[in-house]
Amino acid sequence: MSERIYRDPVHNIIRLRTDTREGQLLVRLIDAPEFQRLRRIKQLGLALYTYQGAEHSRFAHSLGVLHLITRVLDRLGENHSIDEEDRAAARAAALLHDIGHGSFSHVMEHVLGFHHEEWTVRAVLSEETEINQVLRDFSPALPQRVADIIEGKFQPAFLGQLVSSQLDVDRMDYLLRDSLMTGAKYGIYDLEWIINALAVDVENDRIYVAARGLYAVEEYLQARYYMFRQVYFHRTLRSAEAVLRSVLRRALELVAAGEEVWCAPGTAFEKVLRRETLTLQDHLEMDDSDVLFHLKQWRRAKDTILHDLSHRFIGRRLFKAIDLDMPPGERAQFLNAARSCVARAGFEPRFYFIEDHAGDVPYYNYYTAEGAEPKARIYVEDGYARPSVREISEVSGAVRGLQRYQLDRVCFPPEVKKEIYALYHAASPAAPPRAAEAGD
């Protein structure tokens, strides 16, 4: 059998057959420049500032997602008829679901106000891209079918749920991959048993988990919950993101005011700084290296704020961060006093005093029935003698116990750490500040 093999730290060996039309489609998509770009975008953004092993890319993750959906489709195909073109569309969508990501994953989205999914759909549908050409070579209708899966519009809906839902192959891969590469063991769960227990509810056109898989899904959701709290919202990681956002916001502000900010002429990044509308090709031109290159140059900037923040980011001299474990009534007074303290020390609060409402970020949120659309909810089989399919929190006390919370922090320069701590103790003496140190 003709095949291509990828060695993977999570799944060991990922095999792609190259002697079938579907296999050739996937190989050509992987070789397309739009997909190869994902090698240059880190899966966890700035997590490597906290977990030095977190250097893995969106490319590796996307191959893992393809591998998992292939396994799931093979499993479901044992008891359910899946159309060949539907299968090809689902596998292609799983592979391509992240191609619209910007530099450092979600950081650039926050600064520039876009969503990577919109760029992904544009890349799939635009005849300017090689991936679109490859998809059309397989079937003229395939680009739209892939886009429909990514946008949650595809029928049958259960195939779309495998790519994007609360129990999808994207989350299944990134939990295991992020856990392995960060060294944090919170993301480990019984993948094999979940795949074994997946089934199709034909009448309601949705995925559900057989009764034997309930505890494996509970473990999966608890893994997400603890990865969310311990890794994705780690204080040092979020502090690094705060510094990077401040650098970029300062550069954008200076350019808007007509000040000189160095940038590589004629590049997509120059358009970003000038707030010009990006074409699809502009967006796909940029990756993590463009941002890092410019920040290295801005260490020579005449503007003291841009100069200082760039040095801090490149040299990993990050802000400190504390959680605001205090009653809301005390919080406003503390924030005003702390902001004034930062200003008195000579730092512009707009760039050096950052409020971080981490719970507002949806990308790595954990599961609650209230927070999930009906099509994205997790359904499980309840009981063996007279089984019925129900939403998992109706069946599982462990899932009901995963309470939603709001995480609020402030980030500030380490130069004012003592003063901020003193203000914190004065505002809420019973709540000692929990802070991220430089080596955390």
Protein backbone atom coordinates (compact mmCIF):
# COMPACT_ATOMS: atom_id res chain seq x y z
CA MET A 1 0.00 0.00 0.00
CA SER A 2 1.32 3.42 -0.97
CA GLU A 3 1.26 5.78 1.99
CA ARG A 4 2.78 8.82 3.64
CA ILE A 5 3.80 8.53 7.29
CA TYR A 6 4.12 11.26 9.91
CA ARG A 7 5.71 10.54 13.30
CA ASP A 8 3.70 12.29 15.98
CA PRO A 9 4.45 12.72 19.70
CA VAL A 10 0.79 12.15 20.63
CA HIS A 11 -0.52 9.55 18.19
CA ASN A 12 2.83 7.94 17.34
CA ILE A 13 2.27 7.16 13.64
CA ILE A 14 -0.17 9.03 11.39
CA ARG A 15 -0.68 7.23 8.09
CA LEU A 16 -2.17 8.67 4.93
CA ARG A 17 -2.87 6.43 1.98
CA THR A 18 -1.72 7.91 -1.31
CA ASP A 19 -3.24 5.28 -3.61
CA THR A 20 -6.82 6.59 -3.28
CA ARG A 21 -8.46 9.80 -4.49
CA GLU A 22 -9.29 10.79 -0.95
CA GLY A 23 -5.77 10.12 0.25
CA GLN A 24 -4.27 12.10 -2.62
CA LEU A 25 -6.63 14.98 -1.80
CA LEU A 26 -5.39 15.14 1.79
CA VAL A 27 -1.72 14.87 0.83
CA ARG A 28 -2.10 17.70 -1.67
CA LEU A 29 -3.87 19.84 0.95
CA ILE A 30 -1.05 19.25 3.42
CA ASP A 31 1.53 20.24 0.82
CA ALA A 32 -0.31 23.46 -0.07
CA PRO A 33 1.47 26.64 1.11
CA GLU A 34 -1.55 27.80 3.10
CA PHE A 35 -1.33 24.64 5.23
CA GLN A 36 2.47 24.61 5.44
CA ARG A 37 2.22 28.12 6.93
CA LEU A 38 0.83 26.50 10.08
CA ARG A 39 4.31 25.18 10.85
CA ARG A 40 5.20 28.80 11.65
CA ILE A 41 2.31 29.46 14.05
CA LYS A 42 2.56 28.07 17.56
CA GLN A 43 -0.45 26.16 18.79
CA LEU A 44 -0.35 27.69 22.27
CA GLY A 45 0.80 31.18 21.35
CA LEU A 46 2.97 32.43 24.21
CA ALA A 47 2.68 29.38 26.45
CA LEU A 48 6.38 28.70 25.82
CA TYR A 49 7.10 31.72 28.04
CA THR A 50 5.74 29.59 30.89
CA TYR A 51 6.14 26.01 29.66
CA GLN A 52 9.39 25.81 27.73
CA GLY A 53 8.33 22.67 25.88
CA ALA A 54 5.22 24.26 24.38
CA GLU A 55 6.81 24.86 20.99
CA HIS A 56 4.32 22.74 19.04
CA SER A 57 2.66 24.19 15.96
CA ARG A 58 -0.81 24.45 14.48
CA PHE A 59 0.54 22.18 11.73
CA ALA A 60 1.17 19.29 14.13
CA HIS A 61 -2.18 19.82 15.83
CA SER A 62 -4.06 19.85 12.52
CA LEU A 63 -2.49 16.57 11.46
CA GLY A 64 -3.57 15.14 14.80
CA VAL A 65 -7.14 16.33 14.23
CA LEU A 66 -7.15 14.68 10.80
CA HIS A 67 -5.88 11.45 12.34
CA LEU A 68 -8.61 11.45 14.98
CA ILE A 69 -11.49 12.16 12.63
CA THR A 70 -10.27 9.36 10.39
CA ARG A 71 -10.36 6.98 13.33
CA VAL A 72 -13.79 8.21 14.44
CA LEU A 73 -15.26 7.91 10.95
CA ASP A 74 -13.87 4.40 10.63
CA ARG A 75 -15.49 3.50 13.95
CA LEU A 76 -18.86 5.05 13.10
CA GLY A 77 -18.74 3.49 9.64
CA GLU A 78 -18.94 0.05 11.21
CA ASN A 79 -22.61 0.65 12.09
CA HIS A 80 -23.63 3.65 10.02
CA SER A 81 -23.47 4.36 6.30
CA ILE A 82 -21.37 7.47 5.55
CA ASP A 83 -21.36 8.86 2.02
CA GLU A 84 -17.86 8.89 0.46
CA GLU A 85 -18.03 12.58 -0.45
CA ASP A 86 -19.30 13.45 3.03
CA ARG A 87 -16.39 11.55 4.53
CA ALA A 88 -13.90 13.40 2.31
CA ALA A 89 -15.46 16.74 3.25
CA ALA A 90 -15.30 15.96 6.96
CA ARG A 91 -11.66 14.87 6.81
CA ALA A 92 -10.69 17.94 4.75
CA ALA A 93 -12.53 20.25 7.16
CA ALA A 94 -10.80 18.67 10.16
CA LEU A 95 -7.42 19.15 8.49
CA LEU A 96 -8.07 22.75 7.42
CA HIS A 97 -10.00 24.06 10.42
CA ASP A 98 -7.10 26.26 11.64
CA ILE A 99 -5.63 27.66 8.43
CA GLY A 100 -7.09 31.11 9.11
CA HIS A 101 -5.22 31.58 12.40
CA GLY A 102 -3.14 34.72 12.76
CA SER A 103 0.23 35.21 14.40
CA PHE A 104 0.45 33.85 17.95
CA SER A 105 -2.98 32.33 17.56
CA HIS A 106 -5.56 34.36 19.51
CA VAL A 107 -3.35 37.32 20.52
CA MET A 108 -3.58 39.02 17.13
CA GLU A 109 -7.32 38.40 16.98
CA HIS A 110 -7.72 40.36 20.21
CA VAL A 111 -5.68 43.33 18.98
CA LEU A 112 -6.93 43.54 15.41
CA GLY A 113 -10.52 42.43 15.99
CA PHE A 114 -10.94 39.46 13.67
CA HIS A 115 -11.87 35.82 14.09
CA HIS A 116 -9.71 33.13 12.54
CA GLU A 117 -12.72 31.09 11.43
CA GLU A 118 -13.76 33.84 9.00
CA TRP A 119 -10.32 33.76 7.37
CA THR A 120 -10.43 29.97 7.26
CA VAL A 121 -13.70 30.00 5.34
CA ARG A 122 -12.37 32.66 2.97
CA ALA A 123 -9.25 30.61 2.29
CA VAL A 124 -11.33 27.52 1.57
CA LEU A 125 -13.71 29.33 -0.80
CA SER A 126 -11.31 31.69 -2.59
CA GLU A 127 -10.09 30.57 -5.99
CA GLU A 128 -6.86 32.46 -5.23
CA THR A 129 -5.65 29.75 -2.84
CA GLU A 130 -4.04 26.44 -3.67
CA ILE A 131 -6.19 24.60 -1.15
CA ASN A 132 -9.30 25.78 -2.99
CA GLN A 133 -7.86 24.51 -6.26
CA VAL A 134 -7.08 21.16 -4.69
CA LEU A 135 -10.57 20.87 -3.24
CA ARG A 136 -12.17 21.78 -6.60
CA ASP A 137 -10.02 19.23 -8.41
CA PHE A 138 -11.58 16.57 -6.20
CA SER A 139 -15.14 17.92 -6.58
CA PRO A 140 -16.47 21.35 -7.62
CA ALA A 141 -18.81 21.29 -4.62
CA LEU A 142 -16.15 20.35 -2.07
CA PRO A 143 -14.97 23.88 -1.07
CA GLN A 144 -18.50 24.90 -0.08
CA ARG A 145 -19.10 21.60 1.73
CA VAL A 146 -15.91 22.07 3.75
CA ALA A 147 -16.87 25.67 4.55
CA ASP A 148 -20.32 24.52 5.67
CA ILE A 149 -18.79 22.03 8.09
CA ILE A 150 -16.49 24.67 9.57
CA GLU A 151 -19.41 27.10 9.97
CA GLY A 152 -21.72 24.47 11.45
CA LYS A 153 -24.16 24.49 8.53
CA PHE A 154 -23.48 21.04 7.09
CA GLN A 155 -26.00 18.25 6.68
CA PRO A 156 -25.90 15.60 8.03
CA ALA A 157 -25.20 17.64 11.15
CA PHE A 158 -23.47 14.84 13.04
CA LEU A 159 -20.48 15.07 10.69
CA GLY A 160 -20.10 18.76 11.43
CA GLN A 161 -20.30 18.03 15.16
CA LEU A 162 -17.24 15.81 14.87
CA VAL A 163 -15.26 18.84 13.67
CA SER A 164 -16.83 21.57 15.81
CA SER A 165 -18.81 20.88 18.98
CA GLN A 166 -18.14 20.36 22.66
CA LEU A 167 -16.94 16.81 21.98
CA ASP A 168 -15.00 17.19 18.75
CA VAL A 169 -11.73 15.91 17.35
CA ASP A 170 -10.18 19.40 17.64
CA ARG A 171 -10.53 19.44 21.42
CA MET A 172 -9.67 15.76 21.71
CA ASP A 173 -6.31 16.40 20.07
CA TYR A 174 -5.33 19.70 21.63
CA LEU A 175 -5.97 18.53 25.18
CA LEU A 176 -3.62 15.58 24.83
CA ARG A 177 -1.10 17.53 22.77
CA ASP A 178 -1.02 20.60 25.01
CA SER A 179 -0.78 18.41 28.11
CA LEU A 180 2.16 16.48 26.67
CA MET A 181 4.07 19.48 25.35
CA THR A 182 3.60 21.67 28.43
CA GLY A 183 4.38 18.82 30.81
CA ALA A 184 1.13 19.52 32.69
CA LYS A 185 -0.69 16.24 33.22
CA TYR A 186 -4.16 17.73 33.59
CA GLY A 187 -5.21 17.06 29.98
CA ILE A 188 -4.93 13.28 29.98
CA TYR A 189 -8.13 11.30 29.43
CA ASP A 190 -9.24 7.96 27.93
CA LEU A 191 -9.33 8.82 24.23
CA GLU A 192 -9.60 5.19 23.11
CA TRP A 193 -12.72 4.52 25.13
CA ILE A 194 -14.44 7.69 23.92
CA ILE A 195 -13.83 6.72 20.29
CA ASN A 196 -15.11 3.23 21.09
CA ALA A 197 -18.29 4.64 22.64
CA LEU A 198 -19.22 7.23 19.99
CA ALA A 199 -22.43 6.58 18.07
CA VAL A 200 -24.89 8.33 15.74
CA ASP A 201 -28.41 9.24 16.83
CA VAL A 202 -29.93 8.95 13.34
CA GLU A 203 -33.38 10.25 14.30
CA ASN A 204 -32.00 13.49 15.76
CA ASP A 205 -28.94 13.70 13.45
CA ARG A 206 -26.38 14.06 16.24
CA ILE A 207 -23.46 12.34 17.90
CA TYR A 208 -23.91 10.72 21.28
CA VAL A 209 -21.86 8.56 23.62
CA ALA A 210 -22.98 5.07 24.56
CA ALA A 211 -23.57 4.41 28.27
CA ARG A 212 -20.24 2.62 28.66
CA GLY A 213 -18.42 5.84 27.69
CA LEU A 214 -19.99 8.14 30.29
CA TYR A 215 -17.04 8.09 32.70
CA ALA A 216 -14.52 8.61 29.90
CA VAL A 217 -16.40 11.75 28.79
CA GLU A 218 -16.56 12.97 32.40
CA GLU A 219 -12.78 12.57 32.54
CA TYR A 220 -12.42 14.42 29.22
CA LEU A 221 -14.51 17.36 30.49
CA GLN A 222 -12.62 17.47 33.77
CA ALA A 223 -9.36 17.48 31.78
CA ARG A 224 -10.61 20.51 29.85
CA TYR A 225 -11.63 22.21 33.07
CA TYR A 226 -8.21 21.81 34.69
CA MET A 227 -6.26 22.66 31.54
CA PHE A 228 -8.38 25.78 31.31
CA ARG A 229 -7.56 26.81 34.86
CA GLN A 230 -3.95 25.64 35.14
CA VAL A 231 -2.52 26.09 31.63
CA TYR A 232 -4.56 28.26 29.28
CA PHE A 233 -5.15 30.95 31.90
CA HIS A 234 -1.81 30.66 33.66
CA ARG A 235 -0.86 34.06 35.04
CA THR A 236 2.58 34.24 33.42
CA LEU A 237 1.20 33.20 30.03
CA ARG A 238 -1.49 35.84 30.25
CA SER A 239 1.09 38.41 31.39
CA ALA A 240 3.18 37.68 28.29
CA GLU A 241 0.09 38.19 26.14
CA ALA A 242 -0.60 41.48 27.93
CA VAL A 243 2.89 42.77 27.12
CA LEU A 244 2.60 41.73 23.47
CA ARG A 245 -0.80 43.37 23.12
CA SER A 246 0.57 46.57 24.67
CA VAL A 247 3.49 46.60 22.22
CA LEU A 248 1.20 46.20 19.23
CA ARG A 249 -1.33 48.74 20.49
CA ARG A 250 1.45 51.28 21.04
CA ALA A 251 2.82 50.75 17.53
CA LEU A 252 -0.66 51.13 16.04
CA GLU A 253 -1.28 54.30 18.03
CA LEU A 254 2.02 55.88 16.94
CA VAL A 255 1.41 55.12 13.27
CA ALA A 256 -2.12 56.53 13.51
CA ALA A 257 -0.65 59.74 14.99
CA GLY A 258 1.80 60.06 12.11
CA GLU A 259 4.84 59.07 14.18
CA GLU A 260 7.67 57.06 12.68
CA VAL A 261 7.55 53.33 13.44
CA TRP A 262 9.91 51.06 11.57
CA CYS A 263 8.37 48.29 9.52
CA ALA A 264 9.45 46.17 6.58
CA PRO A 265 8.22 48.13 3.53
CA GLY A 266 5.72 46.56 1.17
CA THR A 267 4.73 43.79 3.58
CA ALA A 268 1.39 42.72 4.97
CA PHE A 269 2.61 43.75 8.41
CA GLU A 270 3.00 47.32 7.14
CA LYS A 271 -0.67 47.23 6.17
CA VAL A 272 -1.53 46.00 9.66
CA LEU A 273 0.25 48.97 11.23
CA ARG A 274 -1.47 51.38 8.87
CA ARG A 275 -4.86 49.82 9.62
CA GLU A 276 -5.35 49.08 5.94
CA THR A 277 -7.77 46.36 4.89
CA LEU A 278 -5.93 43.09 4.43
CA THR A 279 -6.53 40.86 1.48
CA LEU A 280 -6.67 37.11 1.99
CA GLN A 281 -3.15 36.80 0.63
CA ASP A 282 -1.96 39.49 3.05
CA HIS A 283 -3.38 37.58 6.00
CA LEU A 284 -1.90 34.29 4.86
CA GLU A 285 1.49 35.93 4.33
CA MET A 286 1.97 36.60 8.04
CA ASP A 287 3.01 34.25 10.82
CA ASP A 288 4.72 34.41 14.23
CA SER A 289 8.09 35.31 12.71
CA ASP A 290 6.77 38.60 11.27
CA VAL A 291 5.74 39.84 14.71
CA LEU A 292 8.96 38.73 16.39
CA PHE A 293 11.09 40.32 13.68
CA HIS A 294 9.41 43.69 14.10
CA LEU A 295 9.56 43.59 17.90
CA LYS A 296 13.30 42.95 17.68
CA GLN A 297 13.65 46.05 15.51
CA TRP A 298 11.45 48.15 17.80
CA ARG A 299 13.96 47.70 20.62
CA ARG A 300 15.77 50.54 18.81
CA ALA A 301 12.66 52.73 18.61
CA LYS A 302 12.84 56.39 19.63
CA ASP A 303 9.51 56.15 21.39
CA THR A 304 10.31 55.18 24.97
CA ILE A 305 7.19 53.08 25.48
CA LEU A 306 7.62 51.06 22.28
CA HIS A 307 11.33 50.71 23.02
CA ASP A 308 10.76 49.53 26.59
CA LEU A 309 7.88 47.14 25.92
CA SER A 310 9.73 45.50 23.04
CA HIS A 311 12.75 44.93 25.27
CA ARG A 312 10.53 43.45 27.95
CA PHE A 313 8.86 41.04 25.56
CA ILE A 314 11.98 39.86 23.71
CA GLY A 315 13.93 39.51 26.96
CA ARG A 316 11.01 37.91 28.84
CA ARG A 317 10.92 40.61 31.49
CA LEU A 318 7.21 40.31 31.89
CA PHE A 319 4.60 42.09 33.95
CA LYS A 320 3.55 40.73 37.31
CA ALA A 321 -0.03 39.55 37.60
CA ILE A 322 -2.32 39.18 40.58
CA ASP A 323 -5.81 37.76 40.86
CA LEU A 324 -8.39 40.15 42.25
CA ASP A 325 -9.68 37.96 45.06
CA MET A 326 -11.72 40.66 46.68
CA PRO A 327 -15.38 41.70 46.86
CA PRO A 328 -16.55 43.78 43.87
CA GLY A 329 -17.17 46.77 46.12
CA GLU A 330 -13.48 46.91 47.08
CA ARG A 331 -12.21 46.26 43.58
CA ALA A 332 -12.89 49.64 41.94
CA GLN A 333 -11.09 51.56 44.68
CA PHE A 334 -8.07 49.26 44.47
CA LEU A 335 -7.89 49.50 40.67
CA ASN A 336 -7.96 53.30 40.76
CA ALA A 337 -5.25 53.44 43.42
CA ALA A 338 -3.07 50.88 41.64
CA ARG A 339 -3.44 52.66 38.30
CA SER A 340 -2.35 55.92 39.94
CA CYS A 341 0.62 54.12 41.50
CA VAL A 342 1.74 52.90 38.08
CA ALA A 343 1.43 56.43 36.67
CA ARG A 344 3.44 57.97 39.54
CA ALA A 345 6.24 55.50 38.79
CA GLY A 346 6.48 56.95 35.26
CA PHE A 347 4.55 54.27 33.36
CA GLU A 348 1.64 55.07 31.08
CA PRO A 349 -1.23 53.02 32.59
CA ARG A 350 -2.85 52.40 29.21
CA PHE A 351 0.10 50.20 28.32
CA TYR A 352 1.46 49.18 31.72
CA PHE A 353 -1.64 48.52 33.81
CA ILE A 354 -3.69 45.83 32.08
CA GLU A 355 -6.94 44.39 33.36
CA ASP A 356 -7.25 40.75 32.30
CA HIS A 357 -10.72 39.29 32.35
CA ALA A 358 -9.65 35.81 31.34
CA GLY A 359 -13.08 34.28 31.80
CA ASP A 360 -14.36 36.34 28.87
CA VAL A 361 -12.19 34.40 26.41
CA PRO A 362 -14.22 31.60 24.81
CA TYR A 363 -11.55 29.68 22.93
CA TYR A 364 -10.59 27.21 25.63
CA ASN A 365 -13.68 27.42 27.77
CA TYR A 366 -14.90 24.32 29.55
CA TYR A 367 -18.27 22.69 29.13
CA THR A 368 -21.57 23.83 30.58
CA ALA A 369 -24.93 23.00 29.06
CA GLU A 370 -26.04 26.64 29.38
CA GLY A 371 -22.95 27.85 27.51
CA ALA A 372 -23.31 25.46 24.60
CA GLU A 373 -25.65 25.73 21.65
CA PRO A 374 -28.05 22.77 21.38
CA LYS A 375 -26.16 21.37 18.39
CA ALA A 376 -22.89 21.54 20.34
CA ARG A 377 -24.10 19.91 23.56
CA ILE A 378 -22.81 16.52 24.63
CA TYR A 379 -25.36 13.74 24.69
CA VAL A 380 -24.92 10.40 26.40
CA GLU A 381 -26.91 7.20 26.70
CA ASP A 382 -28.49 6.95 30.13
CA GLY A 383 -28.86 3.39 31.40
CA TYR A 384 -28.56 -0.05 29.85
CA ALA A 385 -31.91 -1.81 30.29
CA ARG A 386 -34.03 1.04 28.89
CA PRO A 387 -31.49 3.50 27.55
CA SER A 388 -32.38 7.05 26.55
CA VAL A 389 -30.16 9.77 25.13
CA ARG A 390 -29.86 12.84 27.38
CA GLU A 391 -27.65 15.91 27.74
CA ILE A 392 -24.69 14.87 29.88
CA SER A 393 -25.23 17.28 32.80
CA GLU A 394 -28.67 15.74 33.32
CA VAL A 395 -26.95 12.40 33.91
CA SER A 396 -23.61 13.30 35.49
CA GLY A 397 -23.17 15.02 38.84
CA ALA A 398 -19.45 15.38 38.04
CA VAL A 399 -20.26 17.53 35.01
CA ARG A 400 -22.80 19.59 36.93
CA GLY A 401 -20.05 20.32 39.42
CA LEU A 402 -17.92 22.11 36.83
CA GLN A 403 -19.11 25.55 37.82
CA ARG A 404 -18.50 28.54 35.59
CA TYR A 405 -16.31 31.18 37.14
CA GLN A 406 -15.01 34.64 36.29
CA LEU A 407 -11.28 35.17 36.57
CA ASP A 408 -10.12 38.76 36.98
CA ARG A 409 -6.50 39.90 37.14
CA VAL A 410 -4.33 42.95 36.72
CA CYS A 411 -0.88 43.00 35.12
CA PHE A 412 1.71 45.66 35.94
CA PRO A 413 5.50 46.26 35.79
CA PRO A 414 7.56 44.43 38.45
CA GLU A 415 9.09 47.80 39.38
CA VAL A 416 5.90 48.67 41.29
CA LYS A 417 5.26 45.24 42.76
CA LYS A 418 5.75 46.22 46.42
CA GLU A 419 3.52 49.25 46.13
CA ILE A 420 0.74 47.33 44.36
CA TYR A 421 0.90 44.55 46.94
CA ALA A 422 0.63 47.10 49.75
CA LEU A 423 -2.44 48.62 48.11
CA TYR A 424 -3.93 45.16 47.66
CA HIS A 425 -3.48 44.29 51.33
CA ALA A 426 -4.98 47.61 52.34
CA ALA A 427 -8.01 47.08 50.10
CA SER A 428 -8.61 43.46 51.14
CA PRO A 429 -6.52 42.43 54.15
CA ALA A 430 -8.02 38.94 54.33
CA ALA A 431 -7.04 38.02 50.77
CA PRO A 432 -3.28 37.75 50.16
CA PRO A 433 -2.45 38.36 46.50
CA ARG A 434 -1.62 35.34 44.35
CA ALA A 435 1.00 36.46 41.87
CA ALA A 436 3.00 35.05 39.01
CA GLU A 437 6.74 35.26 39.54
CA ALA A 438 9.21 35.50 36.68
CA GLY A 439 10.04 31.81 36.73
CA ASP A 440 6.47 30.50 37.02
